[in-house]
Amino acid sequence: MAKIEKRSIEKELQKALAIEFVKEYCKMNNLSIDKLKEQRFELNYNECGFFQSSAVKPNGLLNDRETMPKPMLLIKHENGYLQIEETEYTKEYLKLSE
């Protein structure tokens, strides 16, 4: 198995685990799991999260901030526990339609 393919598979497995972890939280807070599944997933040292990619086209450093992905939902490891955190974009992008 190629190294890049292995990393890609690992990332997909990590995303699936993260989705399972937040599933009950999303149900209790009226957030869409289907919308969350479409988000970009990133993992680093002590946290991971789901991000909405920006539709803004980069123009060097002139609009760098506008091109950054927006964090939707974060999972952080603090004090030995995993904690789910919403951001200012969570409800805007993940709220279930009424």
N, C-alpha and C. Protein backbone atom coordinates (compact mmCIF):
# COMPACT_ATOMS: atom_id res chain seq x y z
N MET A 1 0.85 -1.18 0.00
CA MET A 1 0.00 0.00 0.00
C MET A 1 0.89 1.24 0.00
N ALA A 2 0.62 2.16 -0.89
CA ALA A 2 1.40 3.38 -0.99
C ALA A 2 1.21 4.24 0.25
N LYS A 3 2.26 5.02 0.59
CA LYS A 3 2.22 5.85 1.79
C LYS A 3 1.08 6.86 1.76
N ILE A 4 0.87 7.49 0.62
CA ILE A 4 -0.18 8.50 0.51
C ILE A 4 -1.55 7.85 0.66
N GLU A 5 -1.75 6.70 0.07
CA GLU A 5 -3.02 6.00 0.19
C GLU A 5 -3.29 5.63 1.66
N LYS A 6 -2.25 5.18 2.35
CA LYS A 6 -2.39 4.82 3.76
C LYS A 6 -2.80 6.04 4.59
N ARG A 7 -2.19 7.17 4.36
CA ARG A 7 -2.55 8.40 5.09
C ARG A 7 -3.99 8.80 4.80
N SER A 8 -4.39 8.68 3.57
CA SER A 8 -5.75 9.02 3.18
C SER A 8 -6.76 8.12 3.88
N ILE A 9 -6.48 6.84 3.93
CA ILE A 9 -7.36 5.89 4.61
C ILE A 9 -7.40 6.17 6.11
N GLU A 10 -6.25 6.46 6.70
CA GLU A 10 -6.20 6.78 8.13
C GLU A 10 -7.04 8.02 8.44
N LYS A 11 -6.95 9.03 7.59
CA LYS A 11 -7.71 10.26 7.80
C LYS A 11 -9.21 9.99 7.70
N GLU A 12 -9.62 9.16 6.76
CA GLU A 12 -11.04 8.81 6.62
C GLU A 12 -11.54 8.05 7.85
N LEU A 13 -10.71 7.15 8.38
CA LEU A 13 -11.08 6.42 9.60
C LEU A 13 -11.18 7.37 10.79
N GLN A 14 -10.26 8.30 10.90
CA GLN A 14 -10.30 9.27 11.99
C GLN A 14 -11.55 10.14 11.88
N LYS A 15 -11.91 10.53 10.67
CA LYS A 15 -13.11 11.34 10.46
C LYS A 15 -14.35 10.55 10.87
N ALA A 16 -14.40 9.27 10.48
CA ALA A 16 -15.54 8.43 10.84
C ALA A 16 -15.67 8.29 12.36
N LEU A 17 -14.56 8.13 13.05
CA LEU A 17 -14.58 8.04 14.51
C LEU A 17 -15.06 9.36 15.13
N ALA A 18 -14.59 10.46 14.60
CA ALA A 18 -15.01 11.77 15.11
C ALA A 18 -16.51 11.98 14.90
N ILE A 19 -17.02 11.57 13.76
CA ILE A 19 -18.45 11.70 13.48
C ILE A 19 -19.26 10.87 14.48
N GLU A 20 -18.82 9.67 14.73
CA GLU A 20 -19.51 8.82 15.72
C GLU A 20 -19.48 9.48 17.10
N PHE A 21 -18.36 10.08 17.44
CA PHE A 21 -18.23 10.72 18.75
C PHE A 21 -19.20 11.89 18.92
N VAL A 22 -19.43 12.67 17.86
CA VAL A 22 -20.28 13.87 17.98
C VAL A 22 -21.75 13.61 17.60
N LYS A 23 -22.06 12.43 17.16
CA LYS A 23 -23.41 12.12 16.66
C LYS A 23 -24.50 12.45 17.70
N GLU A 24 -24.36 11.97 18.91
CA GLU A 24 -25.37 12.22 19.95
C GLU A 24 -25.44 13.71 20.30
N TYR A 25 -24.28 14.36 20.35
CA TYR A 25 -24.24 15.80 20.62
C TYR A 25 -25.03 16.55 19.55
N CYS A 26 -24.84 16.17 18.29
CA CYS A 26 -25.54 16.84 17.19
C CYS A 26 -27.05 16.64 17.31
N LYS A 27 -27.47 15.43 17.65
CA LYS A 27 -28.91 15.16 17.82
C LYS A 27 -29.49 16.03 18.93
N MET A 28 -28.80 16.12 20.04
CA MET A 28 -29.29 16.89 21.19
C MET A 28 -29.29 18.39 20.92
N ASN A 29 -28.47 18.86 19.98
CA ASN A 29 -28.34 20.30 19.72
C ASN A 29 -28.87 20.72 18.36
N ASN A 30 -29.68 19.83 17.74
CA ASN A 30 -30.34 20.15 16.47
C ASN A 30 -29.35 20.51 15.36
N LEU A 31 -28.26 19.74 15.27
CA LEU A 31 -27.24 19.94 14.23
C LEU A 31 -27.27 18.78 13.26
N SER A 32 -27.03 19.05 12.01
CA SER A 32 -27.11 18.05 10.95
C SER A 32 -25.84 17.22 10.83
N ILE A 33 -25.98 15.92 11.03
CA ILE A 33 -24.86 14.99 10.83
C ILE A 33 -24.52 14.93 9.34
N ASP A 34 -25.54 14.95 8.48
CA ASP A 34 -25.29 14.89 7.04
C ASP A 34 -24.47 16.08 6.56
N LYS A 35 -24.79 17.27 7.06
CA LYS A 35 -24.00 18.45 6.70
C LYS A 35 -22.58 18.35 7.26
N LEU A 36 -22.47 17.81 8.47
CA LEU A 36 -21.15 17.65 9.10
C LEU A 36 -20.27 16.70 8.29
N LYS A 37 -20.86 15.64 7.77
CA LYS A 37 -20.10 14.65 6.99
C LYS A 37 -19.48 15.27 5.74
N GLU A 38 -20.09 16.34 5.23
CA GLU A 38 -19.60 17.01 4.03
C GLU A 38 -18.45 17.98 4.32
N GLN A 39 -18.23 18.28 5.60
CA GLN A 39 -17.20 19.23 5.97
C GLN A 39 -15.80 18.63 5.84
N ARG A 40 -14.85 19.48 5.68
CA ARG A 40 -13.43 19.09 5.68
C ARG A 40 -13.04 18.71 7.11
N PHE A 41 -12.25 17.66 7.27
CA PHE A 41 -11.84 17.19 8.59
C PHE A 41 -10.34 17.38 8.73
N GLU A 42 -9.93 17.95 9.86
CA GLU A 42 -8.50 18.15 10.14
C GLU A 42 -8.20 17.67 11.55
N LEU A 43 -7.03 17.08 11.72
CA LEU A 43 -6.60 16.55 13.00
C LEU A 43 -5.19 17.04 13.29
N ASN A 44 -4.96 17.51 14.53
CA ASN A 44 -3.60 17.85 14.92
C ASN A 44 -3.33 17.31 16.31
N TYR A 45 -2.33 17.78 16.96
CA TYR A 45 -1.84 17.20 18.21
C TYR A 45 -2.91 16.91 19.26
N ASN A 46 -3.68 17.89 19.69
CA ASN A 46 -4.64 17.64 20.77
C ASN A 46 -6.08 18.05 20.43
N GLU A 47 -6.35 18.24 19.14
CA GLU A 47 -7.71 18.56 18.74
C GLU A 47 -7.94 18.20 17.28
N CYS A 48 -9.20 18.08 16.96
CA CYS A 48 -9.58 17.85 15.56
C CYS A 48 -10.86 18.63 15.34
N GLY A 49 -11.25 18.76 14.09
CA GLY A 49 -12.45 19.52 13.83
C GLY A 49 -12.94 19.40 12.41
N PHE A 50 -14.11 19.93 12.23
CA PHE A 50 -14.77 19.96 10.93
C PHE A 50 -14.81 21.41 10.46
N PHE A 51 -14.45 21.64 9.21
CA PHE A 51 -14.28 22.99 8.68
C PHE A 51 -15.02 23.16 7.36
N GLN A 52 -15.62 24.32 7.17
CA GLN A 52 -16.28 24.70 5.91
C GLN A 52 -15.24 25.41 5.05
N SER A 53 -14.98 24.87 3.89
CA SER A 53 -14.03 25.51 2.97
C SER A 53 -14.60 26.83 2.48
N SER A 54 -13.73 27.78 2.24
CA SER A 54 -14.14 29.09 1.78
C SER A 54 -14.37 29.08 0.27
N ALA A 55 -15.35 29.85 -0.16
CA ALA A 55 -15.63 29.99 -1.59
C ALA A 55 -14.89 31.19 -2.17
N VAL A 56 -14.16 31.92 -1.34
CA VAL A 56 -13.43 33.11 -1.77
C VAL A 56 -12.14 32.70 -2.47
N LYS A 57 -11.91 33.27 -3.64
CA LYS A 57 -10.68 32.97 -4.38
C LYS A 57 -9.52 33.76 -3.78
N PRO A 58 -8.39 33.08 -3.52
CA PRO A 58 -7.23 33.76 -2.93
C PRO A 58 -6.67 34.85 -3.85
N ASN A 59 -6.23 35.94 -3.23
CA ASN A 59 -5.59 37.03 -3.94
C ASN A 59 -4.35 37.43 -3.14
N GLY A 60 -3.43 36.48 -3.02
CA GLY A 60 -2.22 36.72 -2.24
C GLY A 60 -2.57 36.96 -0.79
N LEU A 61 -1.87 37.89 -0.15
CA LEU A 61 -2.13 38.20 1.25
C LEU A 61 -3.26 39.22 1.43
N LEU A 62 -3.75 39.77 0.32
CA LEU A 62 -4.79 40.79 0.41
C LEU A 62 -6.09 40.27 1.02
N ASN A 63 -6.42 39.02 0.77
CA ASN A 63 -7.66 38.46 1.32
C ASN A 63 -7.40 37.12 2.01
N ASP A 64 -6.24 36.96 2.57
CA ASP A 64 -5.85 35.70 3.19
C ASP A 64 -6.84 35.25 4.26
N ARG A 65 -7.30 36.14 5.08
CA ARG A 65 -8.22 35.80 6.17
C ARG A 65 -9.55 35.26 5.63
N GLU A 66 -10.06 35.86 4.55
CA GLU A 66 -11.34 35.45 3.97
C GLU A 66 -11.27 34.06 3.32
N THR A 67 -10.09 33.62 2.95
CA THR A 67 -9.95 32.33 2.28
C THR A 67 -9.76 31.17 3.26
N MET A 68 -9.60 31.47 4.53
CA MET A 68 -9.38 30.43 5.53
C MET A 68 -10.66 29.62 5.76
N PRO A 69 -10.54 28.31 5.94
CA PRO A 69 -11.74 27.50 6.25
C PRO A 69 -12.32 27.93 7.60
N LYS A 70 -13.64 27.87 7.70
CA LYS A 70 -14.32 28.26 8.94
C LYS A 70 -14.56 27.02 9.80
N PRO A 71 -14.16 27.07 11.07
CA PRO A 71 -14.37 25.92 11.95
C PRO A 71 -15.85 25.76 12.30
N MET A 72 -16.38 24.56 12.11
CA MET A 72 -17.78 24.28 12.40
C MET A 72 -17.97 23.67 13.78
N LEU A 73 -17.20 22.63 14.05
CA LEU A 73 -17.31 21.90 15.31
C LEU A 73 -15.93 21.36 15.64
N LEU A 74 -15.50 21.52 16.88
CA LEU A 74 -14.17 21.09 17.30
C LEU A 74 -14.27 20.04 18.40
N ILE A 75 -13.31 19.13 18.40
CA ILE A 75 -13.17 18.14 19.46
C ILE A 75 -11.79 18.35 20.05
N LYS A 76 -11.75 18.68 21.34
CA LYS A 76 -10.47 18.97 21.99
C LYS A 76 -10.21 17.96 23.11
N HIS A 77 -8.94 17.63 23.29
CA HIS A 77 -8.54 16.76 24.39
C HIS A 77 -7.96 17.64 25.49
N GLU A 78 -8.70 17.76 26.59
CA GLU A 78 -8.27 18.60 27.70
C GLU A 78 -8.49 17.87 29.01
N ASN A 79 -7.49 17.90 29.86
CA ASN A 79 -7.58 17.28 31.19
C ASN A 79 -7.99 15.81 31.12
N GLY A 80 -7.52 15.11 30.09
CA GLY A 80 -7.81 13.68 29.97
C GLY A 80 -9.17 13.34 29.38
N TYR A 81 -9.91 14.35 28.92
CA TYR A 81 -11.25 14.13 28.36
C TYR A 81 -11.38 14.76 26.98
N LEU A 82 -12.23 14.16 26.16
CA LEU A 82 -12.58 14.76 24.88
C LEU A 82 -13.78 15.68 25.09
N GLN A 83 -13.68 16.89 24.57
CA GLN A 83 -14.75 17.87 24.72
C GLN A 83 -15.15 18.41 23.36
N ILE A 84 -16.42 18.57 23.16
CA ILE A 84 -16.95 19.10 21.90
C ILE A 84 -17.21 20.59 22.09
N GLU A 85 -16.76 21.38 21.13
CA GLU A 85 -16.96 22.83 21.20
C GLU A 85 -17.59 23.34 19.91
N GLU A 86 -18.60 24.17 20.07
CA GLU A 86 -19.19 24.86 18.93
C GLU A 86 -18.40 26.14 18.68
N THR A 87 -18.55 26.68 17.49
CA THR A 87 -17.93 27.96 17.15
C THR A 87 -19.03 28.93 16.71
N GLU A 88 -18.64 30.12 16.37
CA GLU A 88 -19.64 31.10 15.90
C GLU A 88 -20.27 30.68 14.58
N TYR A 89 -19.69 29.70 13.89
CA TYR A 89 -20.21 29.24 12.60
C TYR A 89 -21.05 27.97 12.70
N THR A 90 -21.08 27.33 13.85
CA THR A 90 -21.74 26.03 14.00
C THR A 90 -23.21 26.09 13.58
N LYS A 91 -23.96 26.94 14.20
CA LYS A 91 -25.41 27.00 13.92
C LYS A 91 -25.67 27.48 12.48
N GLU A 92 -24.86 28.41 12.01
CA GLU A 92 -25.04 28.95 10.66
C GLU A 92 -24.95 27.86 9.59
N TYR A 93 -24.00 26.95 9.74
CA TYR A 93 -23.76 25.94 8.71
C TYR A 93 -24.34 24.57 9.02
N LEU A 94 -24.55 24.24 10.28
CA LEU A 94 -24.94 22.86 10.63
C LEU A 94 -26.35 22.73 11.18
N LYS A 95 -27.05 23.83 11.42
CA LYS A 95 -28.39 23.74 12.00
C LYS A 95 -29.34 23.00 11.07
N LEU A 96 -30.13 22.10 11.67
CA LEU A 96 -31.14 21.36 10.90
C LEU A 96 -32.22 22.32 10.42
N SER A 97 -32.71 22.09 9.23
CA SER A 97 -33.81 22.91 8.70
C SER A 97 -35.08 22.58 9.46
N GLU A 98 -35.89 23.58 9.70
CA GLU A 98 -37.13 23.36 10.46
C GLU A 98 -38.31 23.19 9.56
